[in-house]
Amino acid sequence: YSRLSPESQYRRFLTVKPRLSQQDATYLVDVDGDDHMALVATPLDQP
């Protein structure tokens, strides 16, 4: 998230959010695989 441009950050949350709070980060990784599912992409050379 910190590597996103300010425009990309704004487009994701529809508000100015220069960094994820601890609460944001906890919510975003607290997936159960059924009701809350997330996929990530990582470069092959930087897994």
All heavy atoms as atom14 arrays in JSON, in Angstrom:
{
  "sequence": "YSRLSPESQYRRFLTVKPRLSQQDATYLVDVDGDDHMALVATPLDQP",
  "atom14_mask": [
    [1, 1, 1, 1, 1, 1, 1, 1, 1, 1, 1, 1, 0, 0],
    [1, 1, 1, 1, 1, 1, 0, 0, 0, 0, 0, 0, 0, 0],
    [1, 1, 1, 1, 1, 1, 1, 1, 1, 1, 1, 0, 0, 0],
    [1, 1, 1, 1, 1, 1, 1, 1, 0, 0, 0, 0, 0, 0],
    [1, 1, 1, 1, 1, 1, 0, 0, 0, 0, 0, 0, 0, 0],
    [1, 1, 1, 1, 1, 1, 1, 0, 0, 0, 0, 0, 0, 0],
    [1, 1, 1, 1, 1, 1, 1, 1, 1, 0, 0, 0, 0, 0],
    [1, 1, 1, 1, 1, 1, 0, 0, 0, 0, 0, 0, 0, 0],
    [1, 1, 1, 1, 1, 1, 1, 1, 1, 0, 0, 0, 0, 0],
    [1, 1, 1, 1, 1, 1, 1, 1, 1, 1, 1, 1, 0, 0],
    [1, 1, 1, 1, 1, 1, 1, 1, 1, 1, 1, 0, 0, 0],
    [1, 1, 1, 1, 1, 1, 1, 1, 1, 1, 1, 0, 0, 0],
    [1, 1, 1, 1, 1, 1, 1, 1, 1, 1, 1, 0, 0, 0],
    [1, 1, 1, 1, 1, 1, 1, 1, 0, 0, 0, 0, 0, 0],
    [1, 1, 1, 1, 1, 1, 1, 0, 0, 0, 0, 0, 0, 0],
    [1, 1, 1, 1, 1, 1, 1, 0, 0, 0, 0, 0, 0, 0],
    [1, 1, 1, 1, 1, 1, 1, 1, 1, 0, 0, 0, 0, 0],
    [1, 1, 1, 1, 1, 1, 1, 0, 0, 0, 0, 0, 0, 0],
    [1, 1, 1, 1, 1, 1, 1, 1, 1, 1, 1, 0, 0, 0],
    [1, 1, 1, 1, 1, 1, 1, 1, 0, 0, 0, 0, 0, 0],
    [1, 1, 1, 1, 1, 1, 0, 0, 0, 0, 0, 0, 0, 0],
    [1, 1, 1, 1, 1, 1, 1, 1, 1, 0, 0, 0, 0, 0],
    [1, 1, 1, 1, 1, 1, 1, 1, 1, 0, 0, 0, 0, 0],
    [1, 1, 1, 1, 1, 1, 1, 1, 0, 0, 0, 0, 0, 0],
    [1, 1, 1, 1, 1, 0, 0, 0, 0, 0, 0, 0, 0, 0],
    [1, 1, 1, 1, 1, 1, 1, 0, 0, 0, 0, 0, 0, 0],
    [1, 1, 1, 1, 1, 1, 1, 1, 1, 1, 1, 1, 0, 0],
    [1, 1, 1, 1, 1, 1, 1, 1, 0, 0, 0, 0, 0, 0],
    [1, 1, 1, 1, 1, 1, 1, 0, 0, 0, 0, 0, 0, 0],
    [1, 1, 1, 1, 1, 1, 1, 1, 0, 0, 0, 0, 0, 0],
    [1, 1, 1, 1, 1, 1, 1, 0, 0, 0, 0, 0, 0, 0],
    [1, 1, 1, 1, 1, 1, 1, 1, 0, 0, 0, 0, 0, 0],
    [1, 1, 1, 1, 0, 0, 0, 0, 0, 0, 0, 0, 0, 0],
    [1, 1, 1, 1, 1, 1, 1, 1, 0, 0, 0, 0, 0, 0],
    [1, 1, 1, 1, 1, 1, 1, 1, 0, 0, 0, 0, 0, 0],
    [1, 1, 1, 1, 1, 1, 1, 1, 1, 1, 0, 0, 0, 0],
    [1, 1, 1, 1, 1, 1, 1, 1, 0, 0, 0, 0, 0, 0],
    [1, 1, 1, 1, 1, 0, 0, 0, 0, 0, 0, 0, 0, 0],
    [1, 1, 1, 1, 1, 1, 1, 1, 0, 0, 0, 0, 0, 0],
    [1, 1, 1, 1, 1, 1, 1, 0, 0, 0, 0, 0, 0, 0],
    [1, 1, 1, 1, 1, 0, 0, 0, 0, 0, 0, 0, 0, 0],
    [1, 1, 1, 1, 1, 1, 1, 0, 0, 0, 0, 0, 0, 0],
    [1, 1, 1, 1, 1, 1, 1, 0, 0, 0, 0, 0, 0, 0],
    [1, 1, 1, 1, 1, 1, 1, 1, 0, 0, 0, 0, 0, 0],
    [1, 1, 1, 1, 1, 1, 1, 1, 0, 0, 0, 0, 0, 0],
    [1, 1, 1, 1, 1, 1, 1, 1, 1, 0, 0, 0, 0, 0],
    [1, 1, 1, 1, 1, 1, 1, 0, 0, 0, 0, 0, 0, 0]
  ],
  "atom14_positions": [
    [[0.83, -1.2, 0.0], [0.0, 0.0, 0.0], [0.86, 1.26, 0.0], [0.58, 2.22, -0.71], [-0.96, -0.01, 1.19], [-1.93, 1.14, 1.14], [-3.05, 1.08, 0.33], [-1.7, 2.31, 1.86], [-3.94, 2.14, 0.24], [-2.58, 3.38, 1.79], [-3.69, 3.29, 0.97], [-4.56, 4.35, 0.89], [0.0, 0.0, 0.0], [0.0, 0.0, 0.0]],
    [[1.94, 1.24, 0.78], [2.8, 2.43, 0.86], [3.5, 2.72, -0.47], [3.89, 3.86, -0.71], [3.83, 2.28, 1.98], [4.8, 1.31, 1.63], [0.0, 0.0, 0.0], [0.0, 0.0, 0.0], [0.0, 0.0, 0.0], [0.0, 0.0, 0.0], [0.0, 0.0, 0.0], [0.0, 0.0, 0.0], [0.0, 0.0, 0.0], [0.0, 0.0, 0.0]],
    [[3.64, 1.72, -1.34], [4.26, 1.94, -2.65], [3.28, 2.5, -3.68], [3.71, 2.93, -4.75], [4.86, 0.62, -3.17], [6.12, 0.18, -2.45], [6.81, -0.97, -3.16], [5.96, -2.14, -3.29], [5.85, -3.12, -2.41], [6.56, -3.07, -1.28], [5.06, -4.16, -2.62], [0.0, 0.0, 0.0], [0.0, 0.0, 0.0], [0.0, 0.0, 0.0]],
    [[1.99, 2.48, -3.39], [1.01, 3.02, -4.33], [1.14, 4.54, -4.42], [1.43, 5.2, -3.42], [-0.41, 2.68, -3.88], [-0.84, 1.23, -3.9], [-2.22, 1.1, -3.28], [-0.82, 0.67, -5.32], [0.0, 0.0, 0.0], [0.0, 0.0, 0.0], [0.0, 0.0, 0.0], [0.0, 0.0, 0.0], [0.0, 0.0, 0.0], [0.0, 0.0, 0.0]],
    [[0.88, 5.07, -5.59], [0.85, 6.52, -5.74], [-0.34, 7.07, -4.96], [-1.31, 6.33, -4.69], [0.71, 6.89, -7.22], [-0.58, 6.5, -7.69], [0.0, 0.0, 0.0], [0.0, 0.0, 0.0], [0.0, 0.0, 0.0], [0.0, 0.0, 0.0], [0.0, 0.0, 0.0], [0.0, 0.0, 0.0], [0.0, 0.0, 0.0], [0.0, 0.0, 0.0]],
    [[-0.31, 8.35, -4.59], [-1.48, 8.93, -3.92], [-2.78, 8.74, -4.72], [-3.83, 8.49, -4.12], [-1.11, 10.41, -3.77], [0.39, 10.4, -3.7], [0.8, 9.3, -4.66], [0.0, 0.0, 0.0], [0.0, 0.0, 0.0], [0.0, 0.0, 0.0], [0.0, 0.0, 0.0], [0.0, 0.0, 0.0], [0.0, 0.0, 0.0], [0.0, 0.0, 0.0]],
    [[-2.7, 8.82, -6.03], [-3.9, 8.61, -6.86], [-4.42, 7.18, -6.73], [-5.63, 6.97, -6.57], [-3.61, 8.93, -8.33], [-4.82, 8.73, -9.21], [-4.57, 9.01, -10.68], [-3.41, 9.3, -11.05], [-5.54, 8.94, -11.45], [0.0, 0.0, 0.0], [0.0, 0.0, 0.0], [0.0, 0.0, 0.0], [0.0, 0.0, 0.0], [0.0, 0.0, 0.0]],
    [[-3.55, 6.21, -6.77], [-3.98, 4.81, -6.64], [-4.54, 4.55, -5.24], [-5.51, 3.81, -5.1], [-2.83, 3.85, -6.94], [-2.51, 3.91, -8.31], [0.0, 0.0, 0.0], [0.0, 0.0, 0.0], [0.0, 0.0, 0.0], [0.0, 0.0, 0.0], [0.0, 0.0, 0.0], [0.0, 0.0, 0.0], [0.0, 0.0, 0.0], [0.0, 0.0, 0.0]],
    [[-3.93, 5.14, -4.23], [-4.47, 5.0, -2.88], [-5.87, 5.59, -2.79], [-6.77, 4.99, -2.22], [-3.55, 5.69, -1.86], [-2.22, 5.0, -1.68], [-1.28, 5.78, -0.78], [-1.51, 6.96, -0.48], [-0.2, 5.14, -0.35], [0.0, 0.0, 0.0], [0.0, 0.0, 0.0], [0.0, 0.0, 0.0], [0.0, 0.0, 0.0], [0.0, 0.0, 0.0]],
    [[-6.05, 6.77, -3.37], [-7.35, 7.42, -3.35], [-8.4, 6.59, -4.1], [-9.52, 6.4, -3.62], [-7.25, 8.82, -3.97], [-8.53, 9.6, -3.88], [-8.88, 10.26, -2.71], [-9.41, 9.66, -4.96], [-10.06, 10.97, -2.6], [-10.6, 10.36, -4.86], [-10.91, 11.01, -3.69], [-12.1, 11.69, -3.59], [0.0, 0.0, 0.0], [0.0, 0.0, 0.0]],
    [[-8.02, 6.05, -5.25], [-8.96, 5.23, -6.02], [-9.35, 3.96, -5.28], [-10.45, 3.46, -5.44], [-8.37, 4.89, -7.39], [-8.36, 6.08, -8.31], [-7.74, 5.77, -9.65], [-7.64, 6.99, -10.41], [-8.32, 7.21, -11.53], [-9.1, 6.3, -12.01], [-8.18, 8.35, -12.16], [0.0, 0.0, 0.0], [0.0, 0.0, 0.0], [0.0, 0.0, 0.0]],
    [[-8.48, 3.43, -4.45], [-8.8, 2.21, -3.71], [-9.82, 2.48, -2.6], [-10.76, 1.73, -2.42], [-7.52, 1.59, -3.14], [-7.73, 0.48, -2.12], [-8.56, -0.67, -2.69], [-8.8, -1.71, -1.71], [-9.89, -1.78, -0.94], [-10.83, -0.87, -1.01], [-10.03, -2.79, -0.1], [0.0, 0.0, 0.0], [0.0, 0.0, 0.0], [0.0, 0.0, 0.0]],
    [[-9.63, 3.55, -1.84], [-10.48, 3.79, -0.68], [-11.44, 4.98, -0.86], [-12.21, 5.28, 0.04], [-9.64, 3.99, 0.58], [-9.04, 2.71, 1.07], [-7.7, 2.43, 0.89], [-9.83, 1.75, 1.7], [-7.15, 1.24, 1.33], [-9.29, 0.55, 2.15], [-7.94, 0.3, 1.96], [0.0, 0.0, 0.0], [0.0, 0.0, 0.0], [0.0, 0.0, 0.0]],
    [[-11.36, 5.66, -2.0], [-12.24, 6.8, -2.3], [-12.09, 7.93, -1.29], [-13.01, 8.71, -1.06], [-13.7, 6.37, -2.4], [-13.99, 5.17, -3.32], [-15.48, 4.86, -3.33], [-13.47, 5.39, -4.72], [0.0, 0.0, 0.0], [0.0, 0.0, 0.0], [0.0, 0.0, 0.0], [0.0, 0.0, 0.0], [0.0, 0.0, 0.0], [0.0, 0.0, 0.0]],
    [[-10.93, 8.01, -0.7], [-10.6, 9.07, 0.25], [-9.08, 9.14, 0.36], [-8.38, 8.22, -0.05], [-11.23, 8.78, 1.64], [-11.07, 9.94, 2.46], [-10.61, 7.58, 2.32], [0.0, 0.0, 0.0], [0.0, 0.0, 0.0], [0.0, 0.0, 0.0], [0.0, 0.0, 0.0], [0.0, 0.0, 0.0], [0.0, 0.0, 0.0], [0.0, 0.0, 0.0]],
    [[-8.6, 10.23, 0.92], [-7.16, 10.37, 1.15], [-6.8, 9.46, 2.33], [-7.37, 9.58, 3.42], [-6.79, 11.83, 1.45], [-5.32, 11.95, 1.81], [-7.14, 12.71, 0.26], [0.0, 0.0, 0.0], [0.0, 0.0, 0.0], [0.0, 0.0, 0.0], [0.0, 0.0, 0.0], [0.0, 0.0, 0.0], [0.0, 0.0, 0.0], [0.0, 0.0, 0.0]],
    [[-5.9, 8.53, 2.08], [-5.45, 7.59, 3.11], [-3.98, 7.3, 2.8], [-3.66, 6.34, 2.11], [-6.3, 6.32, 3.07], [-5.97, 5.34, 4.19], [-6.82, 4.08, 4.08], [-8.1, 4.15, 4.79], [-8.04, 4.3, 6.24], [0.0, 0.0, 0.0], [0.0, 0.0, 0.0], [0.0, 0.0, 0.0], [0.0, 0.0, 0.0], [0.0, 0.0, 0.0]],
    [[-3.08, 8.14, 3.31], [-1.66, 7.99, 2.96], [-0.99, 6.73, 3.51], [0.05, 6.33, 3.03], [-1.0, 9.25, 3.52], [-1.98, 9.83, 4.47], [-3.34, 9.31, 4.13], [0.0, 0.0, 0.0], [0.0, 0.0, 0.0], [0.0, 0.0, 0.0], [0.0, 0.0, 0.0], [0.0, 0.0, 0.0], [0.0, 0.0, 0.0], [0.0, 0.0, 0.0]],
    [[-1.62, 6.11, 4.51], [-1.07, 4.85, 5.03], [-2.21, 4.03, 5.63], [-3.26, 4.56, 5.99], [0.02, 5.1, 6.07], [-0.47, 5.76, 7.32], [0.66, 5.95, 8.35], [0.14, 6.58, 9.54], [-0.57, 5.96, 10.48], [-0.83, 4.68, 10.38], [-1.02, 6.62, 11.53], [0.0, 0.0, 0.0], [0.0, 0.0, 0.0], [0.0, 0.0, 0.0]],
    [[-1.97, 2.74, 5.72], [-2.94, 1.87, 6.37], [-2.73, 1.93, 7.88], [-1.59, 1.84, 8.34], [-2.76, 0.42, 5.91], [-3.09, 0.11, 4.46], [-2.79, -1.37, 4.16], [-4.53, 0.43, 4.13], [0.0, 0.0, 0.0], [0.0, 0.0, 0.0], [0.0, 0.0, 0.0], [0.0, 0.0, 0.0], [0.0, 0.0, 0.0], [0.0, 0.0, 0.0]],
    [[-3.79, 2.07, 8.62], [-3.69, 2.02, 10.07], [-3.51, 0.57, 10.49], [-3.71, -0.36, 9.7], [-4.95, 2.59, 10.72], [-6.05, 1.71, 10.48], [0.0, 0.0, 0.0], [0.0, 0.0, 0.0], [0.0, 0.0, 0.0], [0.0, 0.0, 0.0], [0.0, 0.0, 0.0], [0.0, 0.0, 0.0], [0.0, 0.0, 0.0], [0.0, 0.0, 0.0]],
    [[-3.16, 0.36, 11.74], [-3.06, -1.01, 12.27], [-4.4, -1.72, 12.13], [-4.45, -2.89, 11.78], [-2.63, -0.96, 13.74], [-1.23, -0.45, 13.97], [-0.18, -1.45, 13.48], [-0.4, -2.65, 13.45], [0.97, -0.94, 13.09], [0.0, 0.0, 0.0], [0.0, 0.0, 0.0], [0.0, 0.0, 0.0], [0.0, 0.0, 0.0], [0.0, 0.0, 0.0]],
    [[-5.48, -1.0, 12.4], [-6.82, -1.57, 12.31], [-7.15, -1.95, 10.86], [-7.7, -3.01, 10.6], [-7.85, -0.58, 12.84], [-9.25, -1.13, 12.89], [-10.23, -0.13, 13.52], [-9.9, 1.02, 13.79], [-11.43, -0.6, 13.75], [0.0, 0.0, 0.0], [0.0, 0.0, 0.0], [0.0, 0.0, 0.0], [0.0, 0.0, 0.0], [0.0, 0.0, 0.0]],
    [[-6.78, -1.07, 9.9], [-7.0, -1.38, 8.47], [-6.27, -2.65, 8.09], [-6.84, -3.55, 7.47], [-6.47, -0.25, 7.57], [-7.21, 1.06, 7.7], [-8.41, 1.06, 8.05], [-6.57, 2.1, 7.43], [0.0, 0.0, 0.0], [0.0, 0.0, 0.0], [0.0, 0.0, 0.0], [0.0, 0.0, 0.0], [0.0, 0.0, 0.0], [0.0, 0.0, 0.0]],
    [[-4.99, -2.71, 8.43], [-4.16, -3.86, 8.05], [-4.7, -5.15, 8.66], [-4.74, -6.19, 7.99], [-2.71, -3.63, 8.46], [0.0, 0.0, 0.0], [0.0, 0.0, 0.0], [0.0, 0.0, 0.0], [0.0, 0.0, 0.0], [0.0, 0.0, 0.0], [0.0, 0.0, 0.0], [0.0, 0.0, 0.0], [0.0, 0.0, 0.0], [0.0, 0.0, 0.0]],
    [[-5.12, -5.08, 9.91], [-5.68, -6.27, 10.56], [-6.93, -6.73, 9.82], [-7.08, -7.93, 9.52], [-6.0, -5.99, 12.04], [-4.76, -5.67, 12.7], [-6.66, -7.17, 12.71], [0.0, 0.0, 0.0], [0.0, 0.0, 0.0], [0.0, 0.0, 0.0], [0.0, 0.0, 0.0], [0.0, 0.0, 0.0], [0.0, 0.0, 0.0], [0.0, 0.0, 0.0]],
    [[-7.84, -5.81, 9.52], [-9.06, -6.17, 8.8], [-8.73, -6.79, 7.42], [-9.31, -7.8, 7.03], [-9.97, -4.96, 8.61], [-11.11, -5.25, 7.67], [-12.2, -6.0, 8.1], [-11.07, -4.81, 6.35], [-13.23, -6.32, 7.23], [-12.1, -5.11, 5.48], [-13.18, -5.86, 5.91], [-14.18, -6.18, 5.04], [0.0, 0.0, 0.0], [0.0, 0.0, 0.0]],
    [[-7.8, -6.18, 6.72], [-7.5, -6.62, 5.35], [-6.85, -8.0, 5.29], [-7.0, -8.7, 4.29], [-6.64, -5.58, 4.64], [-7.35, -4.26, 4.35], [-6.36, -3.22, 3.83], [-8.5, -4.45, 3.37], [0.0, 0.0, 0.0], [0.0, 0.0, 0.0], [0.0, 0.0, 0.0], [0.0, 0.0, 0.0], [0.0, 0.0, 0.0], [0.0, 0.0, 0.0]],
    [[-6.13, -8.41, 6.33], [-5.54, -9.75, 6.33], [-6.37, -10.77, 7.09], [-6.06, -11.96, 7.07], [-4.08, -9.78, 6.85], [-3.17, -8.94, 5.96], [-3.99, -9.37, 8.3], [0.0, 0.0, 0.0], [0.0, 0.0, 0.0], [0.0, 0.0, 0.0], [0.0, 0.0, 0.0], [0.0, 0.0, 0.0], [0.0, 0.0, 0.0], [0.0, 0.0, 0.0]],
    [[-7.44, -10.32, 7.73], [-8.29, -11.22, 8.5], [-9.32, -11.86, 7.57], [-10.51, -11.61, 7.67], [-8.96, -10.47, 9.64], [-9.67, -11.41, 10.6], [-9.33, -12.6, 10.63], [-10.57, -10.93, 11.31], [0.0, 0.0, 0.0], [0.0, 0.0, 0.0], [0.0, 0.0, 0.0], [0.0, 0.0, 0.0], [0.0, 0.0, 0.0], [0.0, 0.0, 0.0]],
    [[-8.84, -12.68, 6.66], [-9.69, -13.34, 5.68], [-10.02, -14.75, 6.17], [-9.22, -15.38, 6.85], [-9.01, -13.39, 4.29], [-8.82, -12.0, 3.73], [-7.68, -14.11, 4.34], [0.0, 0.0, 0.0], [0.0, 0.0, 0.0], [0.0, 0.0, 0.0], [0.0, 0.0, 0.0], [0.0, 0.0, 0.0], [0.0, 0.0, 0.0], [0.0, 0.0, 0.0]],
    [[-11.22, -15.22, 5.83], [-11.59, -16.58, 6.22], [-11.65, -17.52, 5.01], [-11.87, -18.71, 5.16], [-12.91, -16.59, 6.98], [-14.09, -16.11, 6.15], [-13.99, -16.01, 4.91], [-15.15, -15.84, 6.75], [0.0, 0.0, 0.0], [0.0, 0.0, 0.0], [0.0, 0.0, 0.0], [0.0, 0.0, 0.0], [0.0, 0.0, 0.0], [0.0, 0.0, 0.0]],
    [[-11.45, -16.98, 3.81], [-11.44, -17.81, 2.61], [-12.82, -18.13, 2.07], [-12.95, -18.77, 1.03], [0.0, 0.0, 0.0], [0.0, 0.0, 0.0], [0.0, 0.0, 0.0], [0.0, 0.0, 0.0], [0.0, 0.0, 0.0], [0.0, 0.0, 0.0], [0.0, 0.0, 0.0], [0.0, 0.0, 0.0], [0.0, 0.0, 0.0], [0.0, 0.0, 0.0]],
    [[-13.86, -17.7, 2.77], [-15.23, -17.97, 2.31], [-16.03, -16.67, 2.24], [-16.42, -16.24, 1.17], [-15.91, -18.97, 3.24], [-17.25, -19.45, 2.69], [-17.31, -19.82, 1.51], [-18.23, -19.43, 3.46], [0.0, 0.0, 0.0], [0.0, 0.0, 0.0], [0.0, 0.0, 0.0], [0.0, 0.0, 0.0], [0.0, 0.0, 0.0], [0.0, 0.0, 0.0]],
    [[-16.27, -16.04, 3.38], [-17.0, -14.77, 3.39], [-16.1, -13.59, 3.05], [-16.57, -12.57, 2.56], [-17.63, -14.52, 4.76], [-18.76, -15.5, 5.05], [-19.39, -15.99, 4.1], [-18.99, -15.79, 6.24], [0.0, 0.0, 0.0], [0.0, 0.0, 0.0], [0.0, 0.0, 0.0], [0.0, 0.0, 0.0], [0.0, 0.0, 0.0], [0.0, 0.0, 0.0]],
    [[-14.84, -13.72, 3.33], [-13.85, -12.68, 3.02], [-12.66, -13.38, 2.38], [-11.94, -14.13, 3.04], [-13.44, -11.95, 4.3], [-12.52, -10.79, 4.08], [-12.14, -9.96, 5.11], [-11.91, -10.31, 2.97], [-11.33, -9.02, 4.64], [-11.16, -9.23, 3.34], [0.0, 0.0, 0.0], [0.0, 0.0, 0.0], [0.0, 0.0, 0.0], [0.0, 0.0, 0.0]],
    [[-12.49, -13.15, 1.1], [-11.46, -13.84, 0.32], [-10.59, -12.81, -0.38], [-11.1, -11.81, -0.88], [-12.15, -14.74, -0.73], [-11.23, -15.44, -1.66], [-10.27, -16.66, -0.73], [-9.04, -17.09, -1.91], [0.0, 0.0, 0.0], [0.0, 0.0, 0.0], [0.0, 0.0, 0.0], [0.0, 0.0, 0.0], [0.0, 0.0, 0.0], [0.0, 0.0, 0.0]],
    [[-9.3, -13.04, -0.39], [-8.39, -12.14, -1.1], [-7.3, -12.94, -1.8], [-6.8, -13.94, -1.27], [-7.76, -11.14, -0.13], [0.0, 0.0, 0.0], [0.0, 0.0, 0.0], [0.0, 0.0, 0.0], [0.0, 0.0, 0.0], [0.0, 0.0, 0.0], [0.0, 0.0, 0.0], [0.0, 0.0, 0.0], [0.0, 0.0, 0.0], [0.0, 0.0, 0.0]],
    [[-6.96, -12.48, -2.99], [-5.87, -13.04, -3.78], [-4.8, -11.97, -3.91], [-5.12, -10.78, -4.03], [-6.36, -13.43, -5.18], [-7.51, -14.42, -5.24], [-8.02, -14.55, -6.68], [-7.07, -15.78, -4.7], [0.0, 0.0, 0.0], [0.0, 0.0, 0.0], [0.0, 0.0, 0.0], [0.0, 0.0, 0.0], [0.0, 0.0, 0.0], [0.0, 0.0, 0.0]],
    [[-3.55, -12.37, -3.9], [-2.45, -11.43, -4.11], [-1.59, -11.91, -5.27], [-1.52, -13.11, -5.57], [-1.57, -11.25, -2.84], [-2.38, -10.65, -1.71], [-0.92, -12.54, -2.41], [0.0, 0.0, 0.0], [0.0, 0.0, 0.0], [0.0, 0.0, 0.0], [0.0, 0.0, 0.0], [0.0, 0.0, 0.0], [0.0, 0.0, 0.0], [0.0, 0.0, 0.0]],
    [[-0.93, -10.94, -5.9], [0.03, -11.24, -6.96], [1.41, -10.79, -6.49], [1.54, -9.71, -5.91], [-0.35, -10.52, -8.25], [0.0, 0.0, 0.0], [0.0, 0.0, 0.0], [0.0, 0.0, 0.0], [0.0, 0.0, 0.0], [0.0, 0.0, 0.0], [0.0, 0.0, 0.0], [0.0, 0.0, 0.0], [0.0, 0.0, 0.0], [0.0, 0.0, 0.0]],
    [[2.4, -11.64, -6.73], [3.79, -11.34, -6.37], [4.67, -11.64, -7.57], [4.45, -12.63, -8.27], [4.26, -12.18, -5.16], [4.23, -13.56, -5.52], [3.39, -11.94, -3.94], [0.0, 0.0, 0.0], [0.0, 0.0, 0.0], [0.0, 0.0, 0.0], [0.0, 0.0, 0.0], [0.0, 0.0, 0.0], [0.0, 0.0, 0.0], [0.0, 0.0, 0.0]],
    [[5.68, -10.81, -7.86], [6.58, -11.1, -8.97], [7.33, -12.41, -8.72], [7.67, -12.73, -7.58], [7.56, -9.93, -8.98], [6.88, -8.84, -8.2], [6.01, -9.55, -7.2], [0.0, 0.0, 0.0], [0.0, 0.0, 0.0], [0.0, 0.0, 0.0], [0.0, 0.0, 0.0], [0.0, 0.0, 0.0], [0.0, 0.0, 0.0], [0.0, 0.0, 0.0]],
    [[7.57, -13.15, -9.79], [8.31, -14.41, -9.65], [9.66, -14.2, -8.99], [10.1, -15.02, -8.19], [8.51, -15.07, -11.01], [7.29, -15.71, -11.65], [7.68, -16.37, -12.97], [6.62, -16.7, -10.73], [0.0, 0.0, 0.0], [0.0, 0.0, 0.0], [0.0, 0.0, 0.0], [0.0, 0.0, 0.0], [0.0, 0.0, 0.0], [0.0, 0.0, 0.0]],
    [[10.32, -13.09, -9.35], [11.66, -12.85, -8.83], [11.66, -12.17, -7.45], [12.71, -11.97, -6.86], [12.49, -12.03, -9.82], [11.87, -10.68, -10.15], [10.68, -10.45, -9.82], [12.57, -9.85, -10.76], [0.0, 0.0, 0.0], [0.0, 0.0, 0.0], [0.0, 0.0, 0.0], [0.0, 0.0, 0.0], [0.0, 0.0, 0.0], [0.0, 0.0, 0.0]],
    [[10.47, -11.82, -6.93], [10.35, -11.2, -5.6], [9.1, -11.76, -4.92], [8.12, -11.05, -4.72], [10.24, -9.68, -5.72], [11.49, -9.02, -6.28], [11.24, -7.53, -6.45], [10.39, -7.11, -7.22], [12.0, -6.74, -5.71], [0.0, 0.0, 0.0], [0.0, 0.0, 0.0], [0.0, 0.0, 0.0], [0.0, 0.0, 0.0], [0.0, 0.0, 0.0]],
    [[9.12, -13.02, -4.52], [7.91, -13.66, -4.01], [7.37, -13.07, -2.7], [6.24, -13.34, -2.34], [8.33, -15.11, -3.81], [9.81, -15.08, -3.74], [10.27, -13.92, -4.56], [0.0, 0.0, 0.0], [0.0, 0.0, 0.0], [0.0, 0.0, 0.0], [0.0, 0.0, 0.0], [0.0, 0.0, 0.0], [0.0, 0.0, 0.0], [0.0, 0.0, 0.0]]
  ]
}
